Amino acid sequence: MPTKDPVERFFADLAVREHEPLLRKASGSTRFDVVDGGRTRRWLVTVDDGDITVRKGNGEASCAIRVEKPVLDRIVTGRLNAVAAVLRGDLVVDGDWRLLVRIQRLFPGRRRRARA
């Protein structure tokens, strides 16, 4: 049964992709440390020339991203840009920044409202 949690759904959907052409020139690993109240959930996303693997849990990563769950909810639903979240201090990146910029391609874009 699909989960209603947008973060869980994002990582589950990403895991079944296996290959993402938008990341064909990217390689490295990114760990998402998602702070949700008193606990931190972690996902490790590894990209090798577009081949993607996702697993829950801790691990060594080229880039570590620490973010509060409500912020990541907004990012994975296309309501907030990840780089904008970094610039506002809502998302903290440690390590290779370029991976965040590339992985941002996997997040949905902001939806534009139709003009009346």
PDB file of N, CA and C in Angstrom:
ATOM      1  N   MET A   1       0.842  -1.184   0.000  1.00  0.00           N
ATOM      2  CA  MET A   1       0.000   0.000   0.000  1.00  0.00           C
ATOM      3  C   MET A   1       0.887   1.249   0.000  1.00  0.00           C
ATOM      4  N   PRO A   2       0.651   2.177  -0.911  1.00  0.00           N
ATOM      5  CA  PRO A   2       1.462   3.388  -0.967  1.00  0.00           C
ATOM      6  C   PRO A   2       1.283   4.238   0.293  1.00  0.00           C
ATOM      7  N   THR A   3       2.375   4.881   0.676  1.00  0.00           N
ATOM      8  CA  THR A   3       2.349   5.733   1.855  1.00  0.00           C
ATOM      9  C   THR A   3       1.842   7.128   1.507  1.00  0.00           C
ATOM     10  N   LYS A   4       1.222   7.780   2.482  1.00  0.00           N
ATOM     11  CA  LYS A   4       0.761   9.156   2.275  1.00  0.00           C
ATOM     12  C   LYS A   4       1.860  10.153   2.600  1.00  0.00           C
ATOM     13  N   ASP A   5       2.906   9.702   3.293  1.00  0.00           N
ATOM     14  CA  ASP A   5       4.002  10.585   3.674  1.00  0.00           C
ATOM     15  C   ASP A   5       4.793  10.970   2.421  1.00  0.00           C
ATOM     16  N   PRO A   6       4.878  12.274   2.104  1.00  0.00           N
ATOM     17  CA  PRO A   6       5.547  12.683   0.865  1.00  0.00           C
ATOM     18  C   PRO A   6       7.032  12.334   0.823  1.00  0.00           C
ATOM     19  N   VAL A   7       7.716  12.361   1.949  1.00  0.00           N
ATOM     20  CA  VAL A   7       9.142  12.029   1.966  1.00  0.00           C
ATOM     21  C   VAL A   7       9.340  10.538   1.716  1.00  0.00           C
ATOM     22  N   GLU A   8       8.581   9.708   2.423  1.00  0.00           N
ATOM     23  CA  GLU A   8       8.656   8.251   2.202  1.00  0.00           C
ATOM     24  C   GLU A   8       8.339   7.919   0.745  1.00  0.00           C
ATOM     25  N   ARG A   9       7.302   8.535   0.212  1.00  0.00           N
ATOM     26  CA  ARG A   9       6.887   8.278  -1.171  1.00  0.00           C
ATOM     27  C   ARG A   9       7.965   8.697  -2.154  1.00  0.00           C
ATOM     28  N   PHE A  10       8.600   9.870  -1.916  1.00  0.00           N
ATOM     29  CA  PHE A  10       9.659  10.343  -2.801  1.00  0.00           C
ATOM     30  C   PHE A  10      10.802   9.329  -2.870  1.00  0.00           C
ATOM     31  N   PHE A  11      11.283   8.878  -1.703  1.00  0.00           N
ATOM     32  CA  PHE A  11      12.409   7.936  -1.713  1.00  0.00           C
ATOM     33  C   PHE A  11      12.013   6.576  -2.266  1.00  0.00           C
ATOM     34  N   ALA A  12      10.789   6.125  -2.015  1.00  0.00           N
ATOM     35  CA  ALA A  12      10.317   4.851  -2.574  1.00  0.00           C
ATOM     36  C   ALA A  12      10.233   4.933  -4.095  1.00  0.00           C
ATOM     37  N   ASP A  13       9.696   6.036  -4.606  1.00  0.00           N
ATOM     38  CA  ASP A  13       9.605   6.219  -6.062  1.00  0.00           C
ATOM     39  C   ASP A  13      10.996   6.312  -6.690  1.00  0.00           C
ATOM     40  N   LEU A  14      11.901   6.984  -6.008  1.00  0.00           N
ATOM     41  CA  LEU A  14      13.267   7.129  -6.506  1.00  0.00           C
ATOM     42  C   LEU A  14      13.961   5.772  -6.569  1.00  0.00           C
ATOM     43  N   ALA A  15      13.718   4.925  -5.586  1.00  0.00           N
ATOM     44  CA  ALA A  15      14.356   3.608  -5.523  1.00  0.00           C
ATOM     45  C   ALA A  15      13.958   2.712  -6.693  1.00  0.00           C
ATOM     46  N   VAL A  16      12.734   2.843  -7.194  1.00  0.00           N
ATOM     47  CA  VAL A  16      12.300   1.971  -8.287  1.00  0.00           C
ATOM     48  C   VAL A  16      12.712   2.496  -9.666  1.00  0.00           C
ATOM     49  N   ARG A  17      13.193   3.725  -9.731  1.00  0.00           N
ATOM     50  CA  ARG A  17      13.629   4.272 -11.024  1.00  0.00           C
ATOM     51  C   ARG A  17      14.835   3.525 -11.579  1.00  0.00           C
ATOM     52  N   GLU A  18      15.781   3.215 -10.730  1.00  0.00           N
ATOM     53  CA  GLU A  18      17.022   2.531 -11.065  1.00  0.00           C
ATOM     54  C   GLU A  18      17.966   3.347 -11.935  1.00  0.00           C
ATOM     55  N   HIS A  19      17.462   4.017 -12.961  1.00  0.00           N
ATOM     56  CA  HIS A  19      18.324   4.849 -13.811  1.00  0.00           C
ATOM     57  C   HIS A  19      17.591   6.162 -14.111  1.00  0.00           C
ATOM     58  N   GLU A  20      18.327   7.244 -14.006  1.00  0.00           N
ATOM     59  CA  GLU A  20      17.755   8.562 -14.263  1.00  0.00           C
ATOM     60  C   GLU A  20      18.637   9.284 -15.277  1.00  0.00           C
ATOM     61  N   PRO A  21      18.138   9.453 -16.508  1.00  0.00           N
ATOM     62  CA  PRO A  21      18.930  10.132 -17.541  1.00  0.00           C
ATOM     63  C   PRO A  21      19.382  11.539 -17.149  1.00  0.00           C
ATOM     64  N   LEU A  22      18.614  12.234 -16.320  1.00  0.00           N
ATOM     65  CA  LEU A  22      19.010  13.582 -15.904  1.00  0.00           C
ATOM     66  C   LEU A  22      20.309  13.578 -15.094  1.00  0.00           C
ATOM     67  N   LEU A  23      20.694  12.408 -14.578  1.00  0.00           N
ATOM     68  CA  LEU A  23      21.907  12.301 -13.766  1.00  0.00           C
ATOM     69  C   LEU A  23      22.977  11.445 -14.444  1.00  0.00           C
ATOM     70  N   ARG A  24      22.916  11.343 -15.757  1.00  0.00           N
ATOM     71  CA  ARG A  24      23.830  10.459 -16.473  1.00  0.00           C
ATOM     72  C   ARG A  24      25.299  10.835 -16.312  1.00  0.00           C
ATOM     73  N   LYS A  25      25.590  12.071 -15.943  1.00  0.00           N
ATOM     74  CA  LYS A  25      26.983  12.492 -15.750  1.00  0.00           C
ATOM     75  C   LYS A  25      27.327  12.689 -14.268  1.00  0.00           C
ATOM     76  N   ALA A  26      26.463  12.217 -13.395  1.00  0.00           N
ATOM     77  CA  ALA A  26      26.671  12.418 -11.955  1.00  0.00           C
ATOM     78  C   ALA A  26      27.070  11.111 -11.284  1.00  0.00           C
ATOM     79  N   SER A  27      27.957  11.231 -10.314  1.00  0.00           N
ATOM     80  CA  SER A  27      28.341  10.092  -9.483  1.00  0.00           C
ATOM     81  C   SER A  27      28.619  10.597  -8.076  1.00  0.00           C
ATOM     82  N   GLY A  28      28.209   9.830  -7.092  1.00  0.00           N
ATOM     83  CA  GLY A  28      28.446  10.170  -5.702  1.00  0.00           C
ATOM     84  C   GLY A  28      27.279   9.720  -4.845  1.00  0.00           C
ATOM     85  N   SER A  29      27.424   9.942  -3.551  1.00  0.00           N
ATOM     86  CA  SER A  29      26.361   9.535  -2.631  1.00  0.00           C
ATOM     87  C   SER A  29      25.928  10.731  -1.787  1.00  0.00           C
ATOM     88  N   THR A  30      24.639  10.775  -1.519  1.00  0.00           N
ATOM     89  CA  THR A  30      24.059  11.838  -0.713  1.00  0.00           C
ATOM     90  C   THR A  30      23.239  11.198   0.391  1.00  0.00           C
ATOM     91  N   ARG A  31      23.515  11.620   1.625  1.00  0.00           N
ATOM     92  CA  ARG A  31      22.730  11.140   2.759  1.00  0.00           C
ATOM     93  C   ARG A  31      21.788  12.244   3.193  1.00  0.00           C
ATOM     94  N   PHE A  32      20.526  11.906   3.292  1.00  0.00           N
ATOM     95  CA  PHE A  32      19.508  12.832   3.777  1.00  0.00           C
ATOM     96  C   PHE A  32      19.234  12.505   5.236  1.00  0.00           C
ATOM     97  N   ASP A  33      19.538  13.432   6.130  1.00  0.00           N
ATOM     98  CA  ASP A  33      19.229  13.302   7.551  1.00  0.00           C
ATOM     99  C   ASP A  33      17.978  14.141   7.791  1.00  0.00           C
ATOM    100  N   VAL A  34      16.850  13.474   7.936  1.00  0.00           N
ATOM    101  CA  VAL A  34      15.558  14.147   8.025  1.00  0.00           C
ATOM    102  C   VAL A  34      15.110  14.170   9.487  1.00  0.00           C
ATOM    103  N   VAL A  35      15.102  15.363  10.050  1.00  0.00           N
ATOM    104  CA  VAL A  35      14.758  15.539  11.459  1.00  0.00           C
ATOM    105  C   VAL A  35      13.240  15.669  11.568  1.00  0.00           C
ATOM    106  N   ASP A  36      12.655  14.758  12.344  1.00  0.00           N
ATOM    107  CA  ASP A  36      11.202  14.714  12.503  1.00  0.00           C
ATOM    108  C   ASP A  36      10.903  14.628  13.998  1.00  0.00           C
ATOM    109  N   GLY A  37      10.693  15.792  14.612  1.00  0.00           N
ATOM    110  CA  GLY A  37      10.474  15.826  16.055  1.00  0.00           C
ATOM    111  C   GLY A  37      11.752  15.427  16.770  1.00  0.00           C
ATOM    112  N   GLY A  38      11.666  14.391  17.596  1.00  0.00           N
ATOM    113  CA  GLY A  38      12.819  13.941  18.363  1.00  0.00           C
ATOM    114  C   GLY A  38      13.652  12.875  17.696  1.00  0.00           C
ATOM    115  N   ARG A  39      13.323  12.521  16.463  1.00  0.00           N
ATOM    116  CA  ARG A  39      14.098  11.473  15.797  1.00  0.00           C
ATOM    117  C   ARG A  39      14.611  11.944  14.444  1.00  0.00           C
ATOM    118  N   THR A  40      15.638  11.272  13.980  1.00  0.00           N
ATOM    119  CA  THR A  40      16.210  11.570  12.666  1.00  0.00           C
ATOM    120  C   THR A  40      16.133  10.305  11.823  1.00  0.00           C
ATOM    121  N   ARG A  41      15.495  10.424  10.662  1.00  0.00           N
ATOM    122  CA  ARG A  41      15.438   9.315   9.704  1.00  0.00           C
ATOM    123  C   ARG A  41      16.456   9.613   8.609  1.00  0.00           C
ATOM    124  N   ARG A  42      17.105   8.568   8.111  1.00  0.00           N
ATOM    125  CA  ARG A  42      18.163   8.751   7.120  1.00  0.00           C
ATOM    126  C   ARG A  42      17.913   7.886   5.882  1.00  0.00           C
ATOM    127  N   TRP A  43      18.235   8.493   4.737  1.00  0.00           N
ATOM    128  CA  TRP A  43      18.237   7.780   3.479  1.00  0.00           C
ATOM    129  C   TRP A  43      19.570   8.058   2.791  1.00  0.00           C
ATOM    130  N   LEU A  44      20.134   7.042   2.167  1.00  0.00           N
ATOM    131  CA  LEU A  44      21.370   7.188   1.416  1.00  0.00           C
ATOM    132  C   LEU A  44      21.049   6.961  -0.055  1.00  0.00           C
ATOM    133  N   VAL A  45      21.296   7.989  -0.858  1.00  0.00           N
ATOM    134  CA  VAL A  45      21.036   7.926  -2.297  1.00  0.00           C
ATOM    135  C   VAL A  45      22.392   7.914  -2.996  1.00  0.00           C
ATOM    136  N   THR A  46      22.659   6.853  -3.750  1.00  0.00           N
ATOM    137  CA  THR A  46      23.917   6.728  -4.475  1.00  0.00           C
ATOM    138  C   THR A  46      23.624   6.795  -5.971  1.00  0.00           C
ATOM    139  N   VAL A  47      24.403   7.615  -6.665  1.00  0.00           N
ATOM    140  CA  VAL A  47      24.254   7.780  -8.108  1.00  0.00           C
ATOM    141  C   VAL A  47      25.572   7.417  -8.761  1.00  0.00           C
ATOM    142  N   ASP A  48      25.503   6.579  -9.802  1.00  0.00           N
ATOM    143  CA  ASP A  48      26.686   6.195 -10.563  1.00  0.00           C
ATOM    144  C   ASP A  48      26.356   6.339 -12.042  1.00  0.00           C
ATOM    145  N   ASP A  49      26.710   7.482 -12.612  1.00  0.00           N
ATOM    146  CA  ASP A  49      26.411   7.796 -14.014  1.00  0.00           C
ATOM    147  C   ASP A  49      24.940   7.578 -14.337  1.00  0.00           C
ATOM    148  N   GLY A  50      24.088   8.019 -13.433  1.00  0.00           N
ATOM    149  CA  GLY A  50      22.648   7.940 -13.645  1.00  0.00           C
ATOM    150  C   GLY A  50      21.980   6.737 -13.019  1.00  0.00           C
ATOM    151  N   ASP A  51      22.749   5.712 -12.648  1.00  0.00           N
ATOM    152  CA  ASP A  51      22.175   4.549 -11.970  1.00  0.00           C
ATOM    153  C   ASP A  51      21.976   4.915 -10.502  1.00  0.00           C
ATOM    154  N   ILE A  52      20.759   4.718 -10.001  1.00  0.00           N
ATOM    155  CA  ILE A  52      20.401   5.161  -8.659  1.00  0.00           C
ATOM    156  C   ILE A  52      20.106   3.970  -7.756  1.00  0.00           C
ATOM    157  N   THR A  53      20.655   4.042  -6.544  1.00  0.00           N
ATOM    158  CA  THR A  53      20.244   3.114  -5.495  1.00  0.00           C
ATOM    159  C   THR A  53      19.864   3.948  -4.279  1.00  0.00           C
ATOM    160  N   VAL A  54      18.848   3.491  -3.581  1.00  0.00           N
ATOM    161  CA  VAL A  54      18.363   4.180  -2.390  1.00  0.00           C
ATOM    162  C   VAL A  54      18.232   3.149  -1.288  1.00  0.00           C
ATOM    163  N   ARG A  55      18.724   3.513  -0.113  1.00  0.00           N
ATOM    164  CA  ARG A  55      18.501   2.641   1.041  1.00  0.00           C
ATOM    165  C   ARG A  55      18.292   3.491   2.283  1.00  0.00           C
ATOM    166  N   LYS A  56      17.513   2.971   3.193  1.00  0.00           N
ATOM    167  CA  LYS A  56      17.316   3.646   4.474  1.00  0.00           C
ATOM    168  C   LYS A  56      18.530   3.366   5.346  1.00  0.00           C
ATOM    169  N   GLY A  57      18.880   4.367   6.155  1.00  0.00           N
ATOM    170  CA  GLY A  57      19.944   4.155   7.119  1.00  0.00           C
ATOM    171  C   GLY A  57      21.119   5.076   6.904  1.00  0.00           C
ATOM    172  N   ASN A  58      22.061   4.940   7.807  1.00  0.00           N
ATOM    173  CA  ASN A  58      23.249   5.765   7.821  1.00  0.00           C
ATOM    174  C   ASN A  58      24.297   5.208   6.875  1.00  0.00           C
ATOM    175  N   GLY A  59      25.275   6.004   6.543  1.00  0.00           N
ATOM    176  CA  GLY A  59      26.378   5.551   5.708  1.00  0.00           C
ATOM    177  C   GLY A  59      27.251   6.713   5.298  1.00  0.00           C
ATOM    178  N   GLU A  60      28.451   6.388   4.857  1.00  0.00           N
ATOM    179  CA  GLU A  60      29.366   7.409   4.353  1.00  0.00           C
ATOM    180  C   GLU A  60      28.767   8.026   3.096  1.00  0.00           C
ATOM    181  N   ALA A  61      28.930   9.332   2.970  1.00  0.00           N
ATOM    182  CA  ALA A  61      28.365  10.028   1.817  1.00  0.00           C
ATOM    183  C   ALA A  61      29.265  11.180   1.407  1.00  0.00           C
ATOM    184  N   SER A  62      29.281  11.474   0.118  1.00  0.00           N
ATOM    185  CA  SER A  62      30.024  12.627  -0.403  1.00  0.00           C
ATOM    186  C   SER A  62      29.351  13.922   0.010  1.00  0.00           C
ATOM    187  N   CYS A  63      28.039  13.846   0.225  1.00  0.00           N
ATOM    188  CA  CYS A  63      27.239  15.020   0.577  1.00  0.00           C
ATOM    189  C   CYS A  63      26.221  14.599   1.630  1.00  0.00           C
ATOM    190  N   ALA A  64      26.163  15.345   2.715  1.00  0.00           N
ATOM    191  CA  ALA A  64      25.158  15.081   3.753  1.00  0.00           C
ATOM    192  C   ALA A  64      24.226  16.282   3.821  1.00  0.00           C
ATOM    193  N   ILE A  65      22.942  16.000   3.794  1.00  0.00           N
ATOM    194  CA  ILE A  65      21.924  17.044   3.843  1.00  0.00           C
ATOM    195  C   ILE A  65      21.111  16.854   5.116  1.00  0.00           C
ATOM    196  N   ARG A  66      21.070  17.894   5.941  1.00  0.00           N
ATOM    197  CA  ARG A  66      20.267  17.852   7.167  1.00  0.00           C
ATOM    198  C   ARG A  66      19.104  18.824   6.993  1.00  0.00           C
ATOM    199  N   VAL A  67      17.891  18.305   7.217  1.00  0.00           N
ATOM    200  CA  VAL A  67      16.709  19.103   6.945  1.00  0.00           C
ATOM    201  C   VAL A  67      15.571  18.660   7.861  1.00  0.00           C
ATOM    202  N   GLU A  68      14.776  19.625   8.298  1.00  0.00           N
ATOM    203  CA  GLU A  68      13.566  19.320   9.064  1.00  0.00           C
ATOM    204  C   GLU A  68      12.530  18.719   8.106  1.00  0.00           C
ATOM    205  N   LYS A  69      11.771  17.759   8.591  1.00  0.00           N
ATOM    206  CA  LYS A  69      10.807  17.064   7.733  1.00  0.00           C
ATOM    207  C   LYS A  69       9.815  18.006   7.041  1.00  0.00           C
ATOM    208  N   PRO A  70       9.237  19.003   7.730  1.00  0.00           N
ATOM    209  CA  PRO A  70       8.298  19.880   7.019  1.00  0.00           C
ATOM    210  C   PRO A  70       8.937  20.603   5.822  1.00  0.00           C
ATOM    211  N   VAL A  71      10.213  20.928   5.928  1.00  0.00           N
ATOM    212  CA  VAL A  71      10.912  21.576   4.808  1.00  0.00           C
ATOM    213  C   VAL A  71      11.072  20.586   3.668  1.00  0.00           C
ATOM    214  N   LEU A  72      11.501  19.351   3.974  1.00  0.00           N
ATOM    215  CA  LEU A  72      11.664  18.357   2.907  1.00  0.00           C
ATOM    216  C   LEU A  72      10.321  17.981   2.297  1.00  0.00           C
ATOM    217  N   ASP A  73       9.263  17.971   3.109  1.00  0.00           N
ATOM    218  CA  ASP A  73       7.920  17.746   2.555  1.00  0.00           C
ATOM    219  C   ASP A  73       7.642  18.749   1.436  1.00  0.00           C
ATOM    220  N   ARG A  74       7.960  20.011   1.688  1.00  0.00           N
ATOM    221  CA  ARG A  74       7.712  21.064   0.696  1.00  0.00           C
ATOM    222  C   ARG A  74       8.610  20.894  -0.528  1.00  0.00           C
ATOM    223  N   ILE A  75       9.842  20.449  -0.329  1.00  0.00           N
ATOM    224  CA  ILE A  75      10.767  20.262  -1.459  1.00  0.00           C
ATOM    225  C   ILE A  75      10.296  19.111  -2.342  1.00  0.00           C
ATOM    226  N   VAL A  76       9.957  17.964  -1.740  1.00  0.00           N
ATOM    227  CA  VAL A  76       9.603  16.788  -2.543  1.00  0.00           C
ATOM    228  C   VAL A  76       8.218  16.892  -3.166  1.00  0.00           C
ATOM    229  N   THR A  77       7.440  17.897  -2.761  1.00  0.00           N
ATOM    230  CA  THR A  77       6.138  18.112  -3.397  1.00  0.00           C
ATOM    231  C   THR A  77       6.163  19.300  -4.352  1.00  0.00           C
ATOM    232  N   GLY A  78       7.348  19.864  -4.574  1.00  0.00           N
ATOM    233  CA  GLY A  78       7.488  20.938  -5.555  1.00  0.00           C
ATOM    234  C   GLY A  78       7.088  22.310  -5.070  1.00  0.00           C
ATOM    235  N   ARG A  79       6.919  22.486  -3.767  1.00  0.00           N
ATOM    236  CA  ARG A  79       6.516  23.788  -3.235  1.00  0.00           C
ATOM    237  C   ARG A  79       7.687  24.631  -2.763  1.00  0.00           C
ATOM    238  N   LEU A  80       8.907  24.042  -2.773  1.00  0.00           N
ATOM    239  CA  LEU A  80      10.095  24.762  -2.327  1.00  0.00           C
ATOM    240  C   LEU A  80      11.301  24.247  -3.091  1.00  0.00           C
ATOM    241  N   ASN A  81      12.144  25.156  -3.524  1.00  0.00           N
ATOM    242  CA  ASN A  81      13.379  24.820  -4.224  1.00  0.00           C
ATOM    243  C   ASN A  81      14.456  24.504  -3.188  1.00  0.00           C
ATOM    244  N   ALA A  82      15.202  23.407  -3.398  1.00  0.00           N
ATOM    245  CA  ALA A  82      16.213  22.981  -2.427  1.00  0.00           C
ATOM    246  C   ALA A  82      17.322  24.011  -2.253  1.00  0.00           C
ATOM    247  N   VAL A  83      17.797  24.610  -3.337  1.00  0.00           N
ATOM    248  CA  VAL A  83      18.862  25.611  -3.227  1.00  0.00           C
ATOM    249  C   VAL A  83      18.349  26.846  -2.478  1.00  0.00           C
ATOM    250  N   ALA A  84      17.117  27.235  -2.740  1.00  0.00           N
ATOM    251  CA  ALA A  84      16.524  28.355  -2.007  1.00  0.00           C
ATOM    252  C   ALA A  84      16.453  28.025  -0.517  1.00  0.00           C
ATOM    253  N   ALA A  85      16.147  26.769  -0.183  1.00  0.00           N
ATOM    254  CA  ALA A  85      16.095  26.353   1.225  1.00  0.00           C
ATOM    255  C   ALA A  85      17.477  26.458   1.868  1.00  0.00           C
ATOM    256  N   VAL A  86      18.530  26.142   1.119  1.00  0.00           N
ATOM    257  CA  VAL A  86      19.897  26.281   1.635  1.00  0.00           C
ATOM    258  C   VAL A  86      20.193  27.749   1.905  1.00  0.00           C
ATOM    259  N   LEU A  87      19.859  28.596   0.955  1.00  0.00           N
ATOM    260  CA  LEU A  87      20.157  30.019   1.092  1.00  0.00           C
ATOM    261  C   LEU A  87      19.421  30.644   2.276  1.00  0.00           C
ATOM    262  N   ARG A  88      18.257  30.102   2.621  1.00  0.00           N
ATOM    263  CA  ARG A  88      17.497  30.601   3.775  1.00  0.00           C
ATOM    264  C   ARG A  88      17.934  29.950   5.082  1.00  0.00           C
ATOM    265  N   GLY A  89      18.801  28.955   4.993  1.00  0.00           N
ATOM    266  CA  GLY A  89      19.258  28.259   6.190  1.00  0.00           C
ATOM    267  C   GLY A  89      18.327  27.151   6.651  1.00  0.00           C
ATOM    268  N   ASP A  90      17.359  26.760   5.809  1.00  0.00           N
ATOM    269  CA  ASP A  90      16.407  25.710   6.166  1.00  0.00           C
ATOM    270  C   ASP A  90      16.924  24.314   5.849  1.00  0.00           C
ATOM    271  N   LEU A  91      17.981  24.238   5.065  1.00  0.00           N
ATOM    272  CA  LEU A  91      18.571  22.977   4.657  1.00  0.00           C
ATOM    273  C   LEU A  91      20.084  23.159   4.771  1.00  0.00           C
ATOM    274  N   VAL A  92      20.756  22.239   5.456  1.00  0.00           N
ATOM    275  CA  VAL A  92      22.198  22.359   5.682  1.00  0.00           C
ATOM    276  C   VAL A  92      22.908  21.287   4.867  1.00  0.00           C
ATOM    277  N   VAL A  93      23.907  21.712   4.092  1.00  0.00           N
ATOM    278  CA  VAL A  93      24.666  20.804   3.242  1.00  0.00           C
ATOM    279  C   VAL A  93      26.095  20.727   3.755  1.00  0.00           C
ATOM    280  N   ASP A  94      26.574  19.511   3.930  1.00  0.00           N
ATOM    281  CA  ASP A  94      27.957  19.279   4.328  1.00  0.00           C
ATOM    282  C   ASP A  94      28.593  18.366   3.286  1.00  0.00           C
ATOM    283  N   GLY A  95      29.673  18.832   2.689  1.00  0.00           N
ATOM    284  CA  GLY A  95      30.341  18.019   1.678  1.00  0.00           C
ATOM    285  C   GLY A  95      30.182  18.613   0.295  1.00  0.00           C
ATOM    286  N   ASP A  96      30.099  17.745  -0.695  1.00  0.00           N
ATOM    287  CA  ASP A  96      30.082  18.141  -2.106  1.00  0.00           C
ATOM    288  C   ASP A  96      28.737  18.754  -2.495  1.00  0.00           C
ATOM    289  N   TRP A  97      28.708  20.067  -2.550  1.00  0.00           N
ATOM    290  CA  TRP A  97      27.516  20.839  -2.903  1.00  0.00           C
ATOM    291  C   TRP A  97      26.964  20.485  -4.266  1.00  0.00           C
ATOM    292  N   ARG A  98      27.869  20.119  -5.181  1.00  0.00           N
ATOM    293  CA  ARG A  98      27.441  19.820  -6.563  1.00  0.00           C
ATOM    294  C   ARG A  98      26.424  18.694  -6.602  1.00  0.00           C
ATOM    295  N   LEU A  99      26.521  17.752  -5.659  1.00  0.00           N
ATOM    296  CA  LEU A  99      25.550  16.654  -5.645  1.00  0.00           C
ATOM    297  C   LEU A  99      24.146  17.147  -5.335  1.00  0.00           C
ATOM    298  N   LEU A 100      24.028  18.095  -4.422  1.00  0.00           N
ATOM    299  CA  LEU A 100      22.700  18.665  -4.152  1.00  0.00           C
ATOM    300  C   LEU A 100      22.148  19.322  -5.411  1.00  0.00           C
ATOM    301  N   VAL A 101      22.975  20.073  -6.089  1.00  0.00           N
ATOM    302  CA  VAL A 101      22.526  20.763  -7.304  1.00  0.00           C
ATOM    303  C   VAL A 101      22.052  19.745  -8.339  1.00  0.00           C
ATOM    304  N   ARG A 102      22.760  18.635  -8.466  1.00  0.00           N
ATOM    305  CA  ARG A 102      22.341  17.610  -9.436  1.00  0.00           C
ATOM    306  C   ARG A 102      21.112  16.846  -8.959  1.00  0.00           C
ATOM    307  N   ILE A 103      21.094  16.485  -7.694  1.00  0.00           N
ATOM    308  CA  ILE A 103      19.948  15.733  -7.169  1.00  0.00           C
ATOM    309  C   ILE A 103      18.690  16.585  -7.178  1.00  0.00           C
ATOM    310  N   GLN A 104      18.843  17.883  -7.115  1.00  0.00           N
ATOM    311  CA  GLN A 104      17.679  18.767  -7.160  1.00  0.00           C
ATOM    312  C   GLN A 104      16.852  18.513  -8.417  1.00  0.00           C
ATOM    313  N   ARG A 105      17.481  18.025  -9.460  1.00  0.00           N
ATOM    314  CA  ARG A 105      16.756  17.703 -10.707  1.00  0.00           C
ATOM    315  C   ARG A 105      15.693  16.642 -10.491  1.00  0.00           C
ATOM    316  N   LEU A 106      15.823  15.862  -9.431  1.00  0.00           N
ATOM    317  CA  LEU A 106      14.861  14.798  -9.154  1.00  0.00           C
ATOM    318  C   LEU A 106      13.619  15.292  -8.433  1.00  0.00           C
ATOM    319  N   PHE A 107      13.724  16.465  -7.813  1.00  0.00           N
ATOM    320  CA  PHE A 107      12.581  17.025  -7.112  1.00  0.00           C
ATOM    321  C   PHE A 107      11.627  17.655  -8.113  1.00  0.00           C
ATOM    322  N   PRO A 108      10.333  17.557  -7.861  1.00  0.00           N
ATOM    323  CA  PRO A 108       9.385  18.192  -8.785  1.00  0.00           C
ATOM    324  C   PRO A 108       9.550  19.712  -8.776  1.00  0.00           C
ATOM    325  N   GLY A 109       9.293  20.326  -9.912  1.00  0.00           N
ATOM    326  CA  GLY A 109       9.374  21.783 -10.009  1.00  0.00           C
ATOM    327  C   GLY A 109       8.181  22.443  -9.373  1.00  0.00           C
ATOM    328  N   ARG A 110       8.353  23.696  -9.093  1.00  0.00           N
ATOM    329  CA  ARG A 110       7.257  24.472  -8.501  1.00  0.00           C
ATOM    330  C   ARG A 110       6.128  24.604  -9.515  1.00  0.00           C
ATOM    331  N   ARG A 111       4.945  24.360  -9.052  1.00  0.00           N
ATOM    332  CA  ARG A 111       3.785  24.469  -9.945  1.00  0.00           C
ATOM    333  C   ARG A 111       3.387  25.930 -10.095  1.00  0.00           C
ATOM    334  N   ARG A 112       3.137  26.316 -11.308  1.00  0.00           N
ATOM    335  CA  ARG A 112       2.726  27.711 -11.557  1.00  0.00           C
ATOM    336  C   ARG A 112       1.212  27.775 -11.619  1.00  0.00           C
ATOM    337  N   ARG A 113       0.695  28.843 -11.096  1.00  0.00           N
ATOM    338  CA  ARG A 113      -0.763  29.051 -11.132  1.00  0.00           C
ATOM    339  C   ARG A 113      -1.133  29.655 -12.484  1.00  0.00           C
ATOM    340  N   ALA A 114      -2.253  29.222 -12.992  1.00  0.00           N
ATOM    341  CA  ALA A 114      -2.754  29.772 -14.243  1.00  0.00           C
ATOM    342  C   ALA A 114      -3.270  31.190 -13.968  1.00  0.00           C
ATOM    343  N   ARG A 115      -3.024  32.068 -14.913  1.00  0.00           N
ATOM    344  CA  ARG A 115      -3.530  33.443 -14.778  1.00  0.00           C
ATOM    345  C   ARG A 115      -5.008  33.481 -15.095  1.00  0.00           C
ATOM    346  N   ALA A 116      -5.714  34.294 -14.342  1.00  0.00           N
ATOM    347  CA  ALA A 116      -7.166  34.395 -14.541  1.00  0.00           C
ATOM    348  C   ALA A 116      -7.496  35.239 -15.729  1.00  0.00           C
TER     349      ALA A 116
END
